[in-house]
Amino acid sequence: MIFGLLESFNDTPILLYLVVIAVACMGGGIPPMLERRRRRAIENELPSFLESLADSVGAGRGLQEAMKEQSEASDSPLALLLRETLREGHASSFEASLSAFAAKTRSSQVQRVMMLVETALQQNSSLREILNDLSRDYERLNDLMNRRESELQGRGMLIVIFVSVGLPVLIAFIVGLFAPASKGFQIASFNQTFSFFFAAASAVGVSVSGRMMGRFRDTLWWLPLWMAVSMGLYLGAVKAVGG
């Protein structure tokens, strides 16, 4: 049965090409996922970090001393990055270290916070109040972002699973049941056309899902994989059901 399934793909070389391209594109699709996960971990940790800084500053410590204590208090991504930046910035000014830290996080939230902190230092403003306000604001912002991303990710994956997995398997079951190759039905060209259709539908579904989640460019790396999955599931299911 396994060899029969493999032989059924011989008439569709584009599927084999898609598999090779999909494996190559995975090398480009995984780094953005890891980078985004790292950035969101830093941003989710930012409110508690700012609250701890506000408490330390309110206790009479300087901002540089407070940031050093917070960087050594945990091994979270934000603390590790801040510890590394402060260690490397001994030869430069504290403001330069803050700018370097914001750049290394590659997070717009952290960059805005560091810019506001630098402005507060230059104007001798109350850091404790500013840090407390920023902590509350970014906590609400991240809660809304996490809730929205969770909802959109669920809907996006539902679209991809239905178009790329559910629909090809359903149609393949119907075709294999009512027009099986074991009964003499010659539908090779029909199956090939339908496999191309499901590949195109899968590409559209993945693109719509990525656009809906605001990660269209990142999802383009996964188009060949889902197209190959859709074509393989249809052709394999037709062969399995139709004999």
Protein backbone atom coordinates (compact mmCIF):
# COMPACT_ATOMS: atom_id res chain seq x y z
CA MET A 1 0.00 0.00 0.00
CA ILE A 2 2.82 2.39 0.85
CA PHE A 3 4.59 1.73 -2.45
CA GLY A 4 1.28 2.19 -4.26
CA LEU A 5 0.83 5.58 -2.63
CA LEU A 6 4.35 6.60 -3.59
CA GLU A 7 3.82 5.47 -7.17
CA SER A 8 0.65 7.53 -7.39
CA PHE A 9 2.78 10.66 -7.08
CA ASN A 10 4.92 9.81 -10.12
CA ASP A 11 2.47 11.53 -12.46
CA THR A 12 2.66 14.74 -10.41
CA PRO A 13 6.30 15.84 -10.37
CA ILE A 14 5.29 19.31 -9.18
CA LEU A 15 4.43 17.74 -5.83
CA LEU A 16 7.98 16.46 -5.46
CA TYR A 17 9.32 19.90 -6.39
CA LEU A 18 7.05 21.50 -3.80
CA VAL A 19 8.33 19.12 -1.13
CA VAL A 20 11.94 20.07 -1.90
CA ILE A 21 11.09 23.79 -1.96
CA ALA A 22 9.12 23.45 1.29
CA VAL A 23 12.08 21.89 3.08
CA ALA A 24 14.32 24.71 1.85
CA CYS A 25 11.80 27.42 2.81
CA MET A 26 11.48 26.06 6.35
CA GLY A 27 14.99 27.40 6.92
CA GLY A 28 13.64 30.87 6.22
CA GLY A 29 10.33 30.48 8.06
CA ILE A 30 11.62 29.26 11.42
CA PRO A 31 13.88 32.25 12.35
CA PRO A 32 11.03 34.84 12.16
CA MET A 33 8.91 32.64 14.43
CA LEU A 34 11.69 32.35 16.99
CA GLU A 35 12.45 36.07 16.79
CA ARG A 36 8.82 37.01 17.28
CA ARG A 37 8.50 34.65 20.25
CA ARG A 38 11.61 36.20 21.82
CA ARG A 39 10.32 39.73 21.25
CA ARG A 40 6.89 38.99 22.69
CA ALA A 41 8.49 37.37 25.75
CA ILE A 42 10.46 40.58 26.33
CA GLU A 43 7.37 42.76 25.85
CA ASN A 44 5.24 40.66 28.20
CA GLU A 45 7.92 40.97 30.85
CA LEU A 46 8.26 44.75 30.41
CA PRO A 47 5.37 45.86 32.73
CA SER A 48 6.65 43.90 35.74
CA PHE A 49 10.19 45.10 35.00
CA LEU A 50 9.05 48.74 34.98
CA GLU A 51 7.07 48.23 38.19
CA SER A 52 10.13 46.79 39.94
CA LEU A 53 12.23 49.70 38.68
CA ALA A 54 9.68 52.15 40.04
CA ASP A 55 9.80 50.49 43.46
CA SER A 56 13.61 50.58 43.50
CA VAL A 57 13.76 54.21 42.41
CA GLY A 58 11.12 55.08 45.00
CA ALA A 59 13.30 53.45 47.67
CA GLY A 60 16.06 55.94 46.91
CA ARG A 61 18.24 54.04 44.46
CA GLY A 62 19.52 55.55 41.26
CA LEU A 63 18.16 54.34 37.94
CA GLN A 64 21.43 52.70 36.90
CA GLU A 65 21.72 50.85 40.20
CA ALA A 66 18.07 49.81 40.06
CA MET A 67 18.44 48.46 36.52
CA LYS A 68 21.55 46.54 37.50
CA GLU A 69 19.68 44.93 40.43
CA GLN A 70 16.75 43.97 38.20
CA SER A 71 19.06 42.50 35.57
CA GLU A 72 20.63 40.24 38.20
CA ALA A 73 17.33 39.28 39.85
CA SER A 74 16.21 36.78 37.18
CA ASP A 75 17.30 34.92 34.06
CA SER A 76 14.47 36.07 31.83
CA PRO A 77 15.25 37.26 28.27
CA LEU A 78 14.85 40.92 29.22
CA ALA A 79 17.06 40.63 32.30
CA LEU A 80 19.76 38.70 30.45
CA LEU A 81 19.84 41.24 27.65
CA LEU A 82 19.99 44.16 30.08
CA ARG A 83 22.76 42.47 32.08
CA GLU A 84 24.79 41.92 28.93
CA THR A 85 24.30 45.51 27.78
CA LEU A 86 25.27 47.02 31.13
CA ARG A 87 28.35 44.82 31.25
CA GLU A 88 29.44 45.93 27.80
CA GLY A 89 28.65 49.61 28.44
CA HIS A 90 31.14 50.34 31.22
CA ALA A 91 33.29 52.38 28.86
CA SER A 92 30.36 54.48 27.60
CA SER A 93 27.71 56.66 29.21
CA PHE A 94 24.57 55.29 30.84
CA GLU A 95 22.38 56.93 28.17
CA ALA A 96 24.36 55.15 25.47
CA SER A 97 23.83 51.85 27.30
CA LEU A 98 20.06 52.48 27.38
CA SER A 99 20.03 53.16 23.63
CA ALA A 100 22.07 50.01 22.96
CA PHE A 101 19.74 47.96 25.17
CA ALA A 102 16.66 49.25 23.32
CA ALA A 103 18.23 48.47 19.95
CA LYS A 104 19.17 44.92 20.97
CA THR A 105 15.63 44.07 22.06
CA ARG A 106 14.31 44.95 18.57
CA SER A 107 11.03 45.83 20.29
CA SER A 108 9.18 49.07 19.59
CA GLN A 109 7.72 49.00 23.10
CA VAL A 110 11.12 48.85 24.82
CA GLN A 111 12.51 51.49 22.47
CA ARG A 112 9.70 53.91 23.32
CA VAL A 113 10.13 53.25 27.03
CA MET A 114 13.88 53.87 26.93
CA MET A 115 13.33 57.08 24.97
CA LEU A 116 10.88 58.33 27.59
CA VAL A 117 13.28 57.37 30.38
CA GLU A 118 16.12 59.28 28.72
CA THR A 119 13.87 62.33 28.32
CA ALA A 120 12.84 62.11 31.98
CA LEU A 121 16.49 61.94 33.04
CA GLN A 122 17.36 65.01 30.98
CA GLN A 123 14.45 67.01 32.43
CA ASN A 124 14.88 65.76 36.02
CA SER A 125 11.29 64.46 36.08
CA SER A 126 9.84 62.07 38.65
CA LEU A 127 11.00 58.66 37.43
CA ARG A 128 8.87 56.73 39.88
CA GLU A 129 5.60 58.17 38.60
CA ILE A 130 6.65 57.82 34.98
CA LEU A 131 7.70 54.20 35.42
CA ASN A 132 4.49 53.33 37.27
CA ASP A 133 2.36 54.93 34.56
CA LEU A 134 4.30 53.13 31.83
CA SER A 135 3.96 49.83 33.68
CA ARG A 136 0.17 50.12 33.88
CA ASP A 137 -0.17 51.30 30.27
CA TYR A 138 1.93 48.51 28.79
CA GLU A 139 0.29 45.88 30.96
CA ARG A 140 -3.10 46.80 29.50
CA LEU A 141 -1.62 47.01 26.01
CA ASN A 142 -0.02 43.57 26.20
CA ASP A 143 -3.18 42.02 27.61
CA LEU A 144 -5.14 43.35 24.64
CA MET A 145 -2.46 42.24 22.18
CA ASN A 146 -2.24 38.74 23.66
CA ARG A 147 -6.02 38.32 23.60
CA ARG A 148 -6.25 39.56 20.02
CA GLU A 149 -3.38 37.37 18.83
CA SER A 150 -4.85 34.31 20.51
CA GLU A 151 -8.22 34.84 18.83
CA LEU A 152 -6.77 35.61 15.40
CA GLN A 153 -4.30 32.73 15.57
CA GLY A 154 -7.11 30.30 16.32
CA ARG A 155 -9.20 31.58 13.43
CA GLY A 156 -6.22 31.62 11.09
CA MET A 157 -5.26 28.04 11.88
CA LEU A 158 -8.89 26.98 11.44
CA ILE A 159 -8.85 28.44 7.92
CA VAL A 160 -5.57 26.72 7.05
CA ILE A 161 -6.60 23.34 8.47
CA PHE A 162 -9.98 23.40 6.74
CA VAL A 163 -8.66 24.48 3.31
CA SER A 164 -5.39 22.52 3.31
CA VAL A 165 -6.42 19.36 5.17
CA GLY A 166 -10.16 18.97 5.64
CA LEU A 167 -11.36 19.91 2.15
CA PRO A 168 -8.86 17.77 0.17
CA VAL A 169 -9.52 14.73 2.34
CA LEU A 170 -13.30 15.17 2.05
CA ILE A 171 -13.29 15.52 -1.73
CA ALA A 172 -10.78 12.67 -2.08
CA PHE A 173 -13.05 10.41 -0.02
CA ILE A 174 -16.03 11.22 -2.26
CA VAL A 175 -14.04 10.72 -5.49
CA GLY A 176 -12.40 7.53 -4.25
CA LEU A 177 -15.74 6.16 -3.06
CA PHE A 178 -17.84 6.86 -6.15
CA ALA A 179 -15.15 6.70 -8.87
CA PRO A 180 -12.54 4.23 -7.62
CA ALA A 181 -9.61 3.31 -9.84
CA SER A 182 -10.10 -0.33 -8.86
CA LYS A 183 -13.40 -0.31 -10.79
CA GLY A 184 -11.78 0.92 -13.98
CA PHE A 185 -12.52 4.64 -13.74
CA GLN A 186 -9.91 6.65 -15.65
CA ILE A 187 -9.73 9.90 -13.70
CA ALA A 188 -5.99 10.51 -13.57
CA SER A 189 -6.25 13.89 -15.32
CA PHE A 190 -9.19 14.82 -13.11
CA ASN A 191 -7.19 14.02 -9.98
CA GLN A 192 -4.20 15.98 -11.22
CA THR A 193 -6.38 19.03 -11.95
CA PHE A 194 -8.00 18.82 -8.55
CA SER A 195 -4.64 18.48 -6.84
CA PHE A 196 -3.52 21.74 -8.51
CA PHE A 197 -6.77 23.36 -7.41
CA PHE A 198 -6.23 22.34 -3.78
CA ALA A 199 -2.64 23.57 -3.90
CA ALA A 200 -3.84 26.97 -5.13
CA ALA A 201 -6.65 27.03 -2.55
CA SER A 202 -4.15 26.18 0.17
CA ALA A 203 -1.89 29.05 -0.93
CA VAL A 204 -4.83 31.46 -0.80
CA GLY A 205 -5.94 30.17 2.61
CA VAL A 206 -2.46 30.48 4.11
CA SER A 207 -2.07 33.99 2.65
CA VAL A 208 -5.43 35.11 4.04
CA SER A 209 -4.55 33.64 7.44
CA GLY A 210 -1.18 35.40 7.48
CA ARG A 211 -2.70 38.72 6.40
CA MET A 212 -5.38 38.43 9.06
CA MET A 213 -2.77 37.87 11.80
CA GLY A 214 -0.56 40.68 10.47
CA ARG A 215 2.28 38.30 9.56
CA PHE A 216 1.81 37.98 5.81
CA ARG A 217 5.50 38.04 4.88
CA ASP A 218 6.39 35.44 7.50
CA THR A 219 3.67 33.05 6.33
CA LEU A 220 4.93 33.17 2.73
CA TRP A 221 7.79 30.88 3.77
CA TRP A 222 5.23 28.19 4.65
CA LEU A 223 3.23 28.33 1.40
CA PRO A 224 5.10 25.48 -0.36
CA LEU A 225 4.72 23.22 2.68
CA TRP A 226 0.94 23.64 2.92
CA MET A 227 0.56 23.36 -0.84
CA ALA A 228 2.48 20.08 -0.79
CA VAL A 229 0.43 18.82 2.17
CA SER A 230 -2.83 19.64 0.37
CA MET A 231 -1.80 17.94 -2.87
CA GLY A 232 -0.32 14.92 -1.08
CA LEU A 233 -3.40 14.42 1.08
CA TYR A 234 -5.75 14.55 -1.88
CA LEU A 235 -3.78 12.19 -4.11
CA GLY A 236 -2.98 9.84 -1.25
CA ALA A 237 -6.55 9.73 0.04
CA VAL A 238 -7.95 9.08 -3.46
CA LYS A 239 -5.51 6.19 -3.87
CA ALA A 240 -6.23 4.80 -0.42
CA VAL A 241 -10.02 4.99 -0.69
CA GLY A 242 -10.31 4.08 -4.37
CA GLY A 243 -7.88 1.18 -4.21
